N, C-alpha and C. Protein backbone atom coordinates (compact mmCIF):
# COMPACT_ATOMS: atom_id res chain seq x y z
N UNK A 1 -14.08 -4.87 -16.61
CA UNK A 1 -13.45 -4.78 -15.43
C UNK A 1 -12.93 -3.29 -14.96
N UNK A 2 -12.43 -2.80 -16.05
CA UNK A 2 -11.74 -1.57 -16.04
C UNK A 2 -12.77 -0.50 -15.39
N UNK A 3 -13.88 -0.34 -15.92
CA UNK A 3 -14.96 0.48 -15.33
C UNK A 3 -15.29 0.29 -13.99
N UNK A 4 -15.37 -0.94 -13.74
CA UNK A 4 -15.77 -1.43 -12.14
C UNK A 4 -14.48 -1.04 -11.37
N UNK A 5 -13.30 -1.21 -11.70
CA UNK A 5 -12.18 -0.67 -10.67
C UNK A 5 -12.18 0.76 -10.63
N UNK A 6 -12.45 1.46 -11.69
CA UNK A 6 -12.38 2.77 -11.64
C UNK A 6 -13.54 3.48 -10.77
N UNK A 7 -14.60 2.62 -10.74
CA UNK A 7 -15.87 3.18 -9.92
C UNK A 7 -15.46 2.89 -8.53
N UNK A 8 -14.81 1.87 -8.14
CA UNK A 8 -14.24 1.48 -6.96
C UNK A 8 -13.36 2.60 -6.41
N UNK A 9 -12.35 2.86 -7.23
CA UNK A 9 -11.22 3.91 -6.87
C UNK A 9 -11.91 5.19 -6.71
N UNK A 10 -13.00 5.55 -7.51
CA UNK A 10 -13.61 6.88 -7.49
C UNK A 10 -14.35 7.18 -6.10
N UNK A 11 -14.34 6.15 -5.34
CA UNK A 11 -15.06 6.36 -4.01
C UNK A 11 -13.98 7.28 -3.12
N UNK A 12 -12.84 7.12 -3.51
CA UNK A 12 -11.61 7.92 -3.00
C UNK A 12 -11.25 7.73 -1.62
N UNK A 13 -12.05 7.13 -0.72
CA UNK A 13 -11.63 6.74 0.72
C UNK A 13 -11.78 5.09 0.88
N UNK A 14 -10.89 4.50 1.52
CA UNK A 14 -10.90 3.05 1.67
C UNK A 14 -12.11 2.63 2.35
N UNK A 15 -12.70 3.20 3.30
CA UNK A 15 -13.86 2.90 3.89
C UNK A 15 -15.05 2.65 2.97
N UNK A 16 -15.34 3.86 2.22
CA UNK A 16 -16.23 3.78 1.16
C UNK A 16 -16.03 2.75 0.11
N UNK A 17 -14.85 2.58 -0.29
CA UNK A 17 -14.59 1.36 -1.16
C UNK A 17 -14.98 0.27 -0.55
N UNK A 18 -14.54 -0.26 0.68
CA UNK A 18 -14.97 -1.43 1.16
C UNK A 18 -16.49 -1.60 1.28
N UNK A 19 -17.12 -0.50 1.50
CA UNK A 19 -18.76 -0.42 1.70
C UNK A 19 -19.28 -0.97 0.20
N UNK A 20 -18.64 -0.27 -0.83
CA UNK A 20 -19.24 -0.52 -2.11
C UNK A 20 -19.00 -2.09 -2.42
N UNK A 21 -17.56 -2.47 -2.16
CA UNK A 21 -17.44 -3.89 -2.33
C UNK A 21 -18.55 -4.90 -1.69
N UNK A 22 -18.73 -4.59 -0.31
CA UNK A 22 -19.89 -5.32 0.33
C UNK A 22 -21.22 -5.05 -0.26
N UNK A 23 -21.48 -3.97 -0.80
CA UNK A 23 -22.90 -3.83 -1.49
C UNK A 23 -22.96 -4.65 -2.80
N UNK A 24 -21.89 -4.72 -3.41
CA UNK A 24 -21.85 -5.44 -4.87
C UNK A 24 -21.71 -6.93 -4.61
N UNK A 25 -20.89 -7.36 -3.68
CA UNK A 25 -20.45 -8.73 -3.63
C UNK A 25 -21.13 -9.51 -2.36
N UNK A 26 -21.48 -8.66 -1.41
CA UNK A 26 -22.07 -9.18 -0.24
C UNK A 26 -20.91 -9.42 0.91
N UNK A 27 -19.69 -9.58 0.54
CA UNK A 27 -18.72 -9.85 1.48
C UNK A 27 -17.33 -9.73 0.78
N UNK A 28 -16.35 -9.63 1.72
CA UNK A 28 -14.89 -9.82 1.07
C UNK A 28 -14.05 -10.35 2.23
N UNK A 29 -12.94 -10.67 1.86
CA UNK A 29 -11.83 -11.17 2.69
C UNK A 29 -10.66 -10.32 2.76
N UNK A 30 -10.14 -9.67 3.97
CA UNK A 30 -9.07 -8.90 4.02
C UNK A 30 -8.01 -9.89 4.10
N UNK A 31 -6.96 -10.00 3.02
CA UNK A 31 -5.97 -10.84 2.98
C UNK A 31 -4.61 -10.45 3.33
N UNK A 32 -4.26 -9.25 3.26
CA UNK A 32 -3.04 -8.66 3.67
C UNK A 32 -3.11 -7.18 3.80
N UNK A 33 -2.10 -6.63 4.62
CA UNK A 33 -1.87 -5.20 4.64
C UNK A 33 -0.39 -4.90 4.78
N UNK A 34 0.24 -4.09 4.01
CA UNK A 34 1.57 -3.75 4.08
C UNK A 34 1.68 -2.13 4.09
N UNK A 35 2.84 -1.71 4.72
CA UNK A 35 3.01 -0.28 4.63
C UNK A 35 4.42 -0.15 4.05
N UNK A 36 4.65 0.92 3.27
CA UNK A 36 6.05 1.32 2.66
C UNK A 36 6.18 2.65 2.94
N UNK A 37 7.14 2.97 4.16
CA UNK A 37 7.23 4.35 4.54
C UNK A 37 6.10 4.60 5.33
N UNK A 38 6.01 5.87 5.74
CA UNK A 38 4.79 6.35 6.65
C UNK A 38 3.77 6.59 5.85
N UNK A 39 3.67 6.84 4.59
CA UNK A 39 2.52 7.34 4.03
C UNK A 39 2.01 6.41 2.87
N UNK A 40 2.26 5.26 2.82
CA UNK A 40 1.67 4.44 1.71
C UNK A 40 1.23 3.08 2.46
N UNK A 41 0.12 2.61 2.20
CA UNK A 41 -0.48 1.46 2.66
C UNK A 41 -1.04 0.56 1.22
N UNK A 42 -0.82 -0.60 1.43
CA UNK A 42 -1.39 -1.63 0.41
C UNK A 42 -2.40 -2.65 1.12
N UNK A 43 -3.40 -2.57 0.70
CA UNK A 43 -4.46 -3.37 1.46
C UNK A 43 -5.00 -4.39 0.41
N UNK A 44 -4.80 -5.81 0.79
CA UNK A 44 -5.21 -6.87 -0.15
C UNK A 44 -6.51 -7.34 0.38
N UNK A 45 -7.63 -7.22 -0.69
CA UNK A 45 -9.03 -7.67 -0.42
C UNK A 45 -9.43 -8.91 -1.48
N UNK A 46 -9.86 -10.11 -1.04
CA UNK A 46 -10.30 -11.02 -1.87
C UNK A 46 -11.79 -10.93 -2.07
N UNK A 47 -12.24 -10.94 -3.30
CA UNK A 47 -13.58 -10.90 -3.66
C UNK A 47 -14.09 -12.34 -3.62
N UNK A 48 -15.45 -12.52 -3.65
CA UNK A 48 -16.07 -13.71 -3.65
C UNK A 48 -15.61 -14.49 -4.94
N UNK A 49 -15.59 -13.76 -6.02
CA UNK A 49 -15.17 -14.49 -7.32
C UNK A 49 -13.69 -14.72 -7.59
N UNK A 50 -13.08 -14.69 -6.30
CA UNK A 50 -11.53 -15.06 -6.25
C UNK A 50 -10.50 -14.01 -6.72
N UNK A 51 -11.20 -12.81 -7.29
CA UNK A 51 -10.30 -11.79 -7.74
C UNK A 51 -9.79 -11.24 -6.40
N UNK A 52 -8.47 -10.65 -6.49
CA UNK A 52 -7.75 -9.99 -5.38
C UNK A 52 -7.59 -8.65 -5.65
N UNK A 53 -8.06 -7.63 -5.07
CA UNK A 53 -7.71 -6.18 -5.15
C UNK A 53 -6.49 -5.82 -4.29
N UNK A 54 -5.79 -5.04 -4.67
CA UNK A 54 -4.86 -4.54 -3.93
C UNK A 54 -5.31 -2.86 -3.96
N UNK A 55 -5.52 -2.34 -2.87
CA UNK A 55 -5.94 -1.02 -2.83
C UNK A 55 -4.79 -0.11 -2.11
N UNK A 56 -4.18 0.66 -2.89
CA UNK A 56 -3.01 1.60 -2.43
C UNK A 56 -3.71 2.83 -1.82
N UNK A 57 -3.37 3.21 -0.56
CA UNK A 57 -3.98 4.39 -0.12
C UNK A 57 -2.77 5.17 0.44
N UNK A 58 -3.09 6.50 0.87
CA UNK A 58 -2.34 7.28 1.52
C UNK A 58 -2.51 7.06 3.22
N UNK A 59 -1.72 7.67 3.99
CA UNK A 59 -1.83 7.42 5.42
C UNK A 59 -3.23 7.77 6.05
N UNK A 60 -3.96 8.48 5.21
CA UNK A 60 -5.50 8.94 5.78
C UNK A 60 -6.36 8.00 5.22
N UNK A 61 -6.12 6.96 4.40
CA UNK A 61 -6.96 6.05 3.88
C UNK A 61 -7.64 6.56 2.52
N UNK A 62 -6.96 7.66 1.91
CA UNK A 62 -7.22 8.13 0.66
C UNK A 62 -6.81 7.20 -0.45
N UNK A 63 -7.76 6.72 -1.33
CA UNK A 63 -7.30 5.74 -2.41
C UNK A 63 -6.59 6.34 -3.42
N UNK A 64 -5.41 5.75 -3.77
CA UNK A 64 -4.59 6.28 -4.87
C UNK A 64 -4.68 5.49 -6.04
N UNK A 65 -4.77 4.06 -5.85
CA UNK A 65 -4.77 3.13 -6.89
C UNK A 65 -5.35 1.78 -6.56
N UNK A 66 -6.08 1.21 -7.42
CA UNK A 66 -6.80 -0.11 -7.23
C UNK A 66 -6.29 -0.90 -8.39
N UNK A 67 -5.71 -2.12 -7.93
CA UNK A 67 -5.08 -3.11 -8.90
C UNK A 67 -5.93 -4.46 -8.70
N UNK A 68 -5.97 -5.23 -9.71
CA UNK A 68 -6.67 -6.43 -9.67
C UNK A 68 -5.75 -7.59 -10.11
N UNK A 69 -5.86 -8.74 -9.48
CA UNK A 69 -4.97 -9.88 -9.80
C UNK A 69 -5.85 -11.07 -9.57
N UNK A 70 -5.40 -12.13 -10.14
CA UNK A 70 -5.93 -13.42 -9.90
C UNK A 70 -5.58 -14.32 -8.62
N UNK A 71 -4.38 -13.71 -8.01
CA UNK A 71 -4.05 -14.29 -6.73
C UNK A 71 -3.27 -13.03 -5.97
N UNK A 72 -3.01 -13.36 -4.61
CA UNK A 72 -2.43 -12.28 -3.87
C UNK A 72 -1.01 -12.11 -4.32
N UNK A 73 -0.52 -10.99 -4.73
CA UNK A 73 0.78 -10.77 -5.21
C UNK A 73 1.68 -10.69 -4.03
N UNK A 74 3.00 -10.93 -4.25
CA UNK A 74 3.93 -10.72 -3.19
C UNK A 74 4.40 -9.25 -3.08
N UNK A 75 4.24 -8.77 -1.86
CA UNK A 75 4.71 -7.46 -1.64
C UNK A 75 5.90 -6.96 -2.33
N UNK A 76 6.94 -7.53 -2.23
CA UNK A 76 8.25 -7.27 -2.73
C UNK A 76 8.20 -7.09 -4.33
N UNK A 77 7.43 -8.08 -4.93
CA UNK A 77 7.12 -8.08 -6.38
C UNK A 77 6.40 -7.00 -6.80
N UNK A 78 5.48 -6.63 -6.05
CA UNK A 78 4.49 -5.27 -6.41
C UNK A 78 5.42 -4.19 -6.51
N UNK A 79 6.08 -4.00 -5.41
CA UNK A 79 6.92 -2.82 -5.23
C UNK A 79 8.32 -2.91 -6.32
N UNK A 80 8.54 -3.94 -6.78
CA UNK A 80 9.63 -4.24 -7.88
C UNK A 80 8.95 -3.47 -9.15
N UNK A 81 7.66 -4.02 -9.49
CA UNK A 81 6.91 -3.50 -10.45
C UNK A 81 6.75 -1.95 -10.43
N UNK A 82 6.45 -1.36 -9.33
CA UNK A 82 6.39 0.15 -9.18
C UNK A 82 7.67 0.76 -9.42
N UNK A 83 8.78 0.24 -8.66
CA UNK A 83 10.01 0.87 -8.66
C UNK A 83 11.25 -0.09 -9.14
N UNK A 84 11.22 -0.55 -10.32
CA UNK A 84 12.15 -1.49 -10.78
C UNK A 84 13.69 -1.23 -10.44
N UNK A 85 13.99 0.04 -10.26
CA UNK A 85 15.34 0.49 -10.03
C UNK A 85 15.77 0.21 -8.53
N UNK A 86 15.00 -0.10 -7.57
CA UNK A 86 15.37 -0.37 -6.42
C UNK A 86 15.76 -1.88 -6.10
N UNK A 87 17.00 -2.10 -5.78
CA UNK A 87 17.51 -3.49 -5.75
C UNK A 87 16.94 -4.23 -4.60
N UNK A 88 16.31 -3.63 -3.65
CA UNK A 88 15.72 -4.36 -2.50
C UNK A 88 14.43 -5.12 -2.81
N UNK A 89 13.78 -4.59 -4.00
CA UNK A 89 12.49 -5.15 -4.47
C UNK A 89 12.76 -6.12 -5.61
N UNK A 90 12.34 -7.42 -5.35
CA UNK A 90 12.57 -8.39 -6.29
C UNK A 90 11.16 -9.25 -6.46
N UNK A 91 11.15 -9.98 -7.34
CA UNK A 91 10.08 -10.96 -7.59
C UNK A 91 9.19 -10.77 -8.71
N UNK A 92 8.45 -11.91 -9.07
CA UNK A 92 7.53 -11.81 -10.27
C UNK A 92 6.06 -11.41 -9.89
N UNK A 93 5.55 -10.54 -10.53
CA UNK A 93 4.26 -10.01 -10.32
C UNK A 93 3.39 -10.90 -11.09
N UNK A 94 2.15 -11.49 -10.57
CA UNK A 94 1.29 -12.07 -11.41
C UNK A 94 0.53 -10.98 -12.32
N UNK A 95 0.07 -11.48 -13.37
CA UNK A 95 -0.53 -10.56 -14.25
C UNK A 95 -1.49 -9.70 -13.74
N UNK A 96 -1.43 -8.34 -14.14
CA UNK A 96 -2.46 -7.39 -13.69
C UNK A 96 -3.58 -7.51 -14.35
N UNK A 97 -4.78 -7.81 -13.92
CA UNK A 97 -6.04 -7.91 -14.59
C UNK A 97 -6.57 -6.48 -14.92
N UNK A 98 -6.32 -5.51 -14.16
CA UNK A 98 -6.93 -4.24 -14.27
C UNK A 98 -6.37 -3.12 -13.36
N UNK A 99 -6.41 -1.99 -13.66
CA UNK A 99 -5.72 -0.85 -12.84
C UNK A 99 -6.54 0.32 -12.85
N UNK A 100 -6.69 1.10 -11.82
CA UNK A 100 -7.35 2.43 -11.77
C UNK A 100 -6.59 3.34 -10.70
N UNK A 101 -6.46 4.58 -11.19
CA UNK A 101 -5.83 5.52 -10.31
C UNK A 101 -6.83 6.63 -9.96
N UNK A 102 -6.56 7.45 -8.92
CA UNK A 102 -7.30 8.62 -8.67
C UNK A 102 -6.35 9.78 -8.71
N UNK A 103 -6.92 11.12 -8.39
CA UNK A 103 -6.11 12.25 -8.15
C UNK A 103 -5.29 12.21 -7.09
N UNK A 104 -5.39 11.18 -6.13
CA UNK A 104 -4.34 11.06 -4.99
C UNK A 104 -3.17 10.32 -5.29
N UNK A 105 -3.03 9.73 -6.62
CA UNK A 105 -1.83 8.95 -6.95
C UNK A 105 -0.77 10.00 -7.32
N UNK A 106 0.40 9.43 -6.97
CA UNK A 106 1.67 10.18 -7.32
C UNK A 106 2.72 8.84 -7.39
N UNK A 107 3.90 9.13 -8.04
CA UNK A 107 4.92 8.21 -8.16
C UNK A 107 5.23 7.60 -6.92
N UNK A 108 5.03 6.36 -6.45
CA UNK A 108 5.23 5.81 -5.12
C UNK A 108 6.71 5.69 -4.98
N UNK A 109 7.56 5.98 -5.90
CA UNK A 109 9.13 5.82 -5.77
C UNK A 109 9.61 6.98 -5.00
N UNK A 110 8.78 8.18 -5.12
CA UNK A 110 9.31 9.28 -4.32
C UNK A 110 9.21 9.22 -2.82
N UNK A 111 8.50 8.21 -2.41
CA UNK A 111 8.53 7.88 -0.80
C UNK A 111 9.62 7.24 -0.43
N UNK A 112 10.60 6.73 -1.41
CA UNK A 112 11.63 5.86 -0.98
C UNK A 112 13.03 6.48 -1.05
N UNK A 113 13.03 7.76 -1.34
CA UNK A 113 14.39 8.50 -1.56
C UNK A 113 14.83 8.78 -0.07
N UNK A 114 16.11 8.87 0.13
CA UNK A 114 16.80 9.22 1.41
C UNK A 114 16.11 10.51 2.02
N UNK A 115 15.84 11.49 1.24
CA UNK A 115 15.34 12.78 1.75
C UNK A 115 13.78 12.80 1.78
N UNK A 116 13.19 11.66 1.71
CA UNK A 116 11.64 11.59 1.65
C UNK A 116 11.23 12.36 3.07
N UNK A 117 10.09 12.93 2.82
CA UNK A 117 9.53 13.54 4.04
C UNK A 117 9.06 12.54 5.10
N UNK A 118 9.24 13.08 6.24
CA UNK A 118 8.72 12.25 7.53
C UNK A 118 8.33 13.21 8.45
N UNK A 119 7.29 12.58 9.29
CA UNK A 119 6.60 13.01 10.54
C UNK A 119 7.35 12.60 11.71
N UNK A 120 8.21 11.76 11.49
CA UNK A 120 9.08 11.11 12.69
C UNK A 120 10.43 11.85 12.92
N UNK A 121 10.47 12.12 14.15
CA UNK A 121 11.85 12.81 14.48
C UNK A 121 12.87 11.91 14.08
N UNK A 122 14.06 12.37 13.70
CA UNK A 122 15.17 11.60 13.19
C UNK A 122 15.73 10.57 14.10
N UNK A 123 15.78 10.78 15.33
CA UNK A 123 16.15 9.86 16.24
C UNK A 123 15.29 8.61 16.55
N UNK A 124 14.10 8.91 16.19
CA UNK A 124 12.98 7.89 16.19
C UNK A 124 12.56 7.11 15.03
N UNK A 125 13.22 7.23 14.06
CA UNK A 125 12.87 6.52 12.56
C UNK A 125 14.11 5.82 12.23
N UNK A 126 13.82 4.94 11.26
CA UNK A 126 14.83 3.94 10.40
C UNK A 126 14.27 3.70 9.10
N UNK A 127 15.20 3.43 8.21
CA UNK A 127 14.91 3.15 6.87
C UNK A 127 14.28 1.82 6.75
N UNK A 128 13.22 1.76 5.95
CA UNK A 128 12.56 0.52 5.73
C UNK A 128 13.21 -0.24 4.60
N UNK A 129 13.11 -1.50 4.42
CA UNK A 129 13.80 -2.11 3.19
C UNK A 129 13.15 -1.60 1.97
N UNK A 130 14.01 -1.19 1.14
CA UNK A 130 13.59 -0.61 -0.03
C UNK A 130 13.39 0.95 -0.08
N UNK A 131 13.49 1.48 1.15
CA UNK A 131 13.28 3.06 1.33
C UNK A 131 12.17 3.24 1.98
N UNK A 132 11.94 4.52 2.49
CA UNK A 132 10.89 5.06 3.09
C UNK A 132 11.19 4.82 4.62
N UNK A 133 10.41 5.74 5.58
CA UNK A 133 10.79 5.65 6.85
C UNK A 133 9.69 4.96 7.75
N UNK A 134 10.27 4.21 8.85
CA UNK A 134 9.39 3.77 9.71
C UNK A 134 9.81 3.99 11.06
N UNK A 135 8.96 3.84 12.12
CA UNK A 135 9.34 3.91 13.52
C UNK A 135 10.46 2.90 13.94
N UNK A 136 11.42 3.62 14.60
CA UNK A 136 12.81 2.72 14.97
C UNK A 136 12.34 1.78 15.92
N UNK A 137 13.01 0.63 15.88
CA UNK A 137 12.80 -0.42 16.83
C UNK A 137 13.99 -0.62 17.78
N UNK A 138 14.97 0.15 17.76
CA UNK A 138 16.02 0.03 18.61
C UNK A 138 16.02 0.75 19.96
N UNK A 139 16.96 0.74 20.69
CA UNK A 139 16.92 1.24 22.13
C UNK A 139 16.62 2.77 22.41
N UNK A 140 16.63 3.49 21.15
CA UNK A 140 16.19 5.06 21.29
C UNK A 140 14.88 5.16 20.79
N UNK A 141 14.08 4.04 20.47
CA UNK A 141 12.80 4.29 19.88
C UNK A 141 11.97 4.83 20.89
N UNK A 142 10.75 5.41 20.42
CA UNK A 142 9.59 5.83 21.26
C UNK A 142 9.10 4.68 22.14
N UNK A 143 8.99 4.99 23.41
CA UNK A 143 8.30 4.01 24.16
C UNK A 143 9.39 2.98 24.85
N UNK A 144 10.76 3.07 24.52
CA UNK A 144 11.67 2.17 25.12
C UNK A 144 12.02 2.91 26.44
N UNK A 145 12.59 2.17 27.27
CA UNK A 145 12.74 2.50 28.58
C UNK A 145 14.17 3.45 28.55
N UNK A 146 14.07 4.53 29.34
CA UNK A 146 15.15 5.50 29.47
C UNK A 146 15.73 5.63 30.87
N UNK A 147 16.93 5.94 30.83
CA UNK A 147 17.58 6.00 32.23
C UNK A 147 16.81 7.28 32.95
N UNK A 148 16.67 7.10 34.35
CA UNK A 148 16.10 8.23 35.07
C UNK A 148 17.01 9.42 35.18
């Protein structure tokens, strides 16, 4: 399994990885998608043999990590495994069946610190559970009505 996961990760781009999955398995099911901060995405993909891949990408779809599980992991349990020191992340992660990383990988906990990089202006962003920035949802958020 490890060599297979590494070959998928080595496609380096989510679109190419999904094309490779389709070529090998004929189909896949997109089961979930989570973001943590502006620059991290986790995409859950169920294969026909019931293995679930979690593909971690950057904001441009560059593959950072591929994890394999027997079932869809809980988002917060996955982040608890990645960053056990963050109190907002809890839960039990199912056993990891395999893991592969690429040169895009870096410690994801770096995205969670209060001084983490952001492309959003300060007045249009808010902290996400566990850390990282997301678009603000309050009255000052982009797209909200403003006084004339």
